[in-house]
Protein backbone atom coordinates (compact mmCIF):
# COMPACT_ATOMS: atom_id res chain seq x y z
CA MET A 1 -109.22 39.42 138.31
CA LYS A 2 -107.35 42.29 137.43
CA ASP A 3 -107.59 46.60 138.53
CA ARG A 4 -106.35 48.17 135.77
CA LEU A 5 -105.65 47.93 131.89
CA ARG A 6 -103.00 50.44 130.60
CA ILE A 7 -103.13 50.65 126.67
CA LYS A 8 -100.12 52.53 125.20
CA ILE A 9 -100.69 54.32 121.95
CA GLN A 10 -98.11 54.21 119.09
CA PRO A 11 -95.65 56.79 119.90
CA GLY A 12 -95.57 59.63 117.36
CA VAL A 13 -99.54 60.46 117.11
CA SER A 14 -100.02 64.20 117.07
CA PRO A 15 -103.27 65.63 119.54
CA GLY A 16 -105.26 65.78 116.88
CA GLU A 17 -105.03 62.02 115.67
CA ARG A 18 -105.20 61.11 119.27
CA ASP A 19 -108.62 62.65 120.28
CA ILE A 20 -109.61 60.96 116.68
CA ILE A 21 -108.41 57.93 118.52
CA TRP A 22 -110.22 58.82 122.00
CA TYR A 23 -113.34 60.74 121.61
CA VAL A 24 -114.98 60.04 118.57
CA ASN A 25 -117.97 58.83 119.91
CA PHE A 26 -118.54 55.51 117.79
CA ARG A 27 -114.36 54.44 117.94
CA PHE A 28 -114.98 55.37 121.92
CA ASN A 29 -117.97 53.55 123.03
CA ARG A 30 -116.07 50.26 120.52
CA PHE A 31 -113.24 50.08 122.26
CA ARG A 32 -115.01 50.05 126.18
CA ASN A 33 -117.71 47.81 124.63
CA GLN A 34 -114.71 45.02 124.14
CA ILE A 35 -113.16 46.42 126.99
CA ARG A 36 -116.04 45.84 128.96
CA GLY A 37 -116.53 42.21 127.15
CA ILE A 38 -113.30 41.36 128.66
CA LEU A 39 -113.77 43.03 132.45
CA GLU A 40 -117.51 41.86 132.75
CA ASP A 41 -117.80 45.06 134.28
CA ASN A 42 -119.66 47.99 133.73
CA THR A 43 -117.51 49.84 135.17
CA LEU A 44 -115.10 51.17 133.27
CA ILE A 45 -112.96 54.48 133.91
CA VAL A 46 -110.93 55.83 131.02
CA ILE A 47 -108.14 58.30 131.90
CA ASP A 48 -105.79 59.98 129.21
CA ILE A 49 -102.62 60.33 130.52
CA GLN A 50 -101.39 62.57 128.07
CA LYS A 51 -103.38 65.11 128.78
CA ILE A 52 -103.17 65.22 132.28
CA GLU A 53 -99.95 65.63 132.31
CA SER A 54 -99.78 68.32 129.52
CA ASN A 55 -102.32 69.87 132.71
CA MET A 56 -99.67 69.09 135.29
CA GLU A 57 -96.88 71.05 133.24
CA THR A 58 -99.17 74.54 133.67
CA THR A 59 -100.11 74.07 136.75
CA GLN A 60 -96.13 73.36 137.36
CA LEU A 61 -95.45 76.82 135.13
CA ILE A 62 -97.88 78.75 136.91
CA PHE A 63 -97.03 76.91 140.62
CA ASN A 64 -93.37 78.03 139.67
CA ILE A 65 -94.13 81.47 138.47
CA PHE A 66 -95.96 81.67 142.17
CA ILE A 67 -92.44 80.24 143.83
CA VAL A 68 -90.55 83.43 141.61
CA PHE A 69 -92.90 85.31 143.06
CA LEU A 70 -92.76 84.59 146.36
CA GLY A 71 -88.57 84.39 146.12
CA ILE A 72 -88.79 87.75 145.28
CA ILE A 73 -90.95 89.53 147.86
CA ALA A 74 -88.44 87.12 150.76
CA PHE A 75 -85.36 88.71 148.72
CA ILE A 76 -86.35 92.47 149.56
CA ILE A 77 -87.15 91.54 153.19
CA SER A 78 -83.64 89.77 153.19
CA PHE A 79 -82.06 92.80 150.95
CA PHE A 80 -83.27 94.72 154.28
CA MET A 81 -82.58 92.71 156.71
CA LEU A 82 -78.76 92.24 155.19
CA LEU A 83 -78.76 95.70 155.29
CA VAL A 84 -79.27 96.79 158.88
CA ALA A 85 -76.94 93.54 159.60
CA THR A 86 -73.77 94.92 157.52
CA THR A 87 -74.31 98.29 158.75
CA SER A 88 -74.42 97.14 162.52
CA ASN A 89 -71.49 94.83 161.92
CA ILE A 90 -69.19 97.77 160.41
CA LYS A 91 -70.26 100.18 163.26
CA GLU A 92 -69.05 97.63 165.72
CA ASN A 93 -65.76 96.98 163.61
CA MET A 94 -65.55 100.75 163.13
CA TRP A 95 -61.36 100.43 164.90
CA GLU A 96 -60.90 97.68 163.10
CA PHE A 97 -61.97 99.51 159.75
CA GLY A 98 -60.02 102.37 160.82
CA VAL A 99 -56.75 100.60 161.66
CA LEU A 100 -56.79 98.52 158.09
CA ARG A 101 -57.43 102.64 156.41
CA ALA A 102 -54.37 103.69 158.64
CA ILE A 103 -51.99 100.87 158.15
CA GLY A 104 -52.57 101.57 154.00
CA LEU A 105 -55.30 99.59 152.55
CA ARG A 106 -57.15 100.89 150.03
CA LYS A 107 -61.25 102.14 149.89
CA VAL A 108 -61.90 99.65 147.56
CA GLN A 109 -59.55 96.39 148.80
CA ILE A 110 -61.35 96.92 152.50
CA THR A 111 -64.88 96.63 150.60
CA ARG A 112 -63.71 93.86 148.78
CA ILE A 113 -62.80 92.42 152.18
CA TYR A 114 -66.23 92.96 153.87
CA LEU A 115 -68.07 92.04 150.47
CA TYR A 116 -65.79 88.27 150.63
CA GLU A 117 -66.87 88.02 153.92
CA ALA A 118 -70.70 88.09 153.13
CA LEU A 119 -70.24 86.23 150.02
CA ALA A 120 -68.91 83.49 151.63
CA VAL A 121 -72.10 83.35 154.37
CA TYR A 122 -74.54 83.62 151.38
CA LEU A 123 -72.73 80.87 149.22
CA SER A 124 -72.36 78.99 152.09
CA ALA A 125 -75.93 79.05 153.39
CA ALA A 126 -77.38 78.52 149.54
CA LEU A 127 -75.74 75.56 149.45
CA LEU A 128 -76.59 74.07 152.48
CA GLY A 129 -80.56 75.34 151.96
CA MET A 130 -80.39 73.54 148.45
CA LEU A 131 -79.18 70.27 149.59
CA VAL A 132 -81.34 70.31 153.17
CA GLY A 133 -84.26 71.16 150.32
CA PHE A 134 -82.78 68.30 147.60
CA ILE A 135 -83.71 66.51 150.27
CA LEU A 136 -86.72 67.07 151.81
CA ALA A 137 -88.19 67.51 148.46
CA THR A 138 -86.73 63.95 146.83
CA THR A 139 -88.29 62.57 150.61
CA LEU A 140 -91.84 63.28 150.27
CA SER A 141 -91.78 63.05 146.00
CA LEU A 142 -90.62 59.96 147.29
CA GLN A 143 -93.64 59.24 150.05
CA PHE A 144 -96.37 60.39 147.91
CA ASN A 145 -95.47 57.99 145.21
CA ILE A 146 -95.38 55.66 147.31
CA PHE A 147 -99.03 56.47 147.85
CA LEU A 148 -100.21 56.80 144.72
CA GLU A 149 -98.14 54.19 143.25
CA LEU A 150 -96.70 56.40 140.94
CA PRO A 151 -92.76 55.73 138.95
CA PHE A 152 -90.19 58.08 140.92
CA LYS A 153 -88.47 60.75 138.95
CA ILE A 154 -86.28 63.49 139.97
CA THR A 155 -86.49 66.66 138.38
CA PHE A 156 -84.33 69.22 139.33
CA PRO A 157 -85.62 73.14 138.44
CA TYR A 158 -82.37 74.39 137.00
CA TRP A 159 -84.20 78.03 136.10
CA LEU A 160 -85.72 78.53 139.07
CA VAL A 161 -82.94 77.55 141.43
CA ALA A 162 -80.46 80.18 139.14
CA THR A 163 -82.94 82.92 139.04
CA MET A 164 -82.76 82.09 142.85
CA LEU A 165 -78.73 82.35 143.50
CA ILE A 166 -78.53 84.94 140.88
CA LEU A 167 -81.21 87.26 142.97
CA GLY A 168 -79.79 86.85 146.56
CA LEU A 169 -75.53 87.58 144.64
CA PHE A 170 -77.24 90.78 143.40
CA VAL A 171 -79.18 91.17 147.32
CA THR A 172 -75.54 90.02 148.99
CA ILE A 173 -73.75 92.38 146.79
CA LEU A 174 -76.23 95.63 147.55
CA GLY A 175 -76.39 95.11 150.60
CA THR A 176 -72.96 95.30 151.89
CA ILE A 177 -71.99 98.58 149.38
CA ILE A 178 -74.94 100.52 150.16
CA PRO A 179 -73.82 100.45 154.23
CA LEU A 180 -69.66 100.20 153.18
CA ARG A 181 -70.25 103.97 151.01
CA SER A 182 -70.94 105.95 153.95
CA ILE A 183 -68.13 104.74 155.60
CA ASN A 184 -65.89 105.85 152.96
CA ARG A 185 -66.55 108.79 152.76
CA ARG A 186 -65.06 109.41 156.12
CA THR A 187 -61.40 110.45 156.91
CA ILE A 188 -59.87 107.93 158.77
CA SER A 189 -59.17 109.81 161.78
CA SER A 190 -62.83 110.63 161.93
CA VAL A 191 -63.38 106.97 162.30
CA LEU A 192 -60.94 106.18 164.32
CA LYS A 193 -62.35 108.90 167.12
CA ALA A 194 -66.34 107.80 166.18
CA ALA A 195 -64.49 103.99 167.01
CA GLY A 196 -62.76 105.17 170.43
C-alpha cells in the first residue's frame, strides 16, 4: 500500500489556472473521489506544495529582514567595543606611535598602518565566521531535512552576507579612524612625553 502519491501539474500553469484546477469544488471533489477510489480509504490530505513554497518565501524574507535588523544592532555594539579597544591599544602603543612619527612617517601613513591591522583582524574573523556558520547551517539543515524526508538543497544568502560584510567594514574603518584623530592632532613631543 502506498503512503504518498505526488501529482505534478504541468509546468507553465499560472496561479489562476492552478486555483481553478485545485479549488473549484466540482473538480476538486471529483479528483479527490478518484484518488479515494484508488486508495480505498477515506483519509485523504491534499497539499499544494507551490502555495506552501510561496508562503515560505514570504516567511524567509521577513526572517532575513529580522536578521539584518539584529545585525545592525550587533554592529552598533561592536562599533563601541572596537572604539574602546582601539583607543586602549593606541594608548598602550603611544611610544611606538611617537617614534614612528619622529622617524618621518606622516599621520596618514600611521593611520593606514593601524587601519590595515584592524582590517586584517576583521577579514580573518569574517572569513572564519562564514566558514563555521556555513558548515553548521549545512549540517543542521541536512539533519532537519532527513527527519522531514525532504530533498536537501543549499541556498546561500548572498545579499545578507554582503550587507553584513559591508556593515562590518564600515564599523571597522570608523572605529579605527576616530581614536587615531585625537592622537594625530598632538605634537610628536607631547606623544612621546605622554608615553613615557
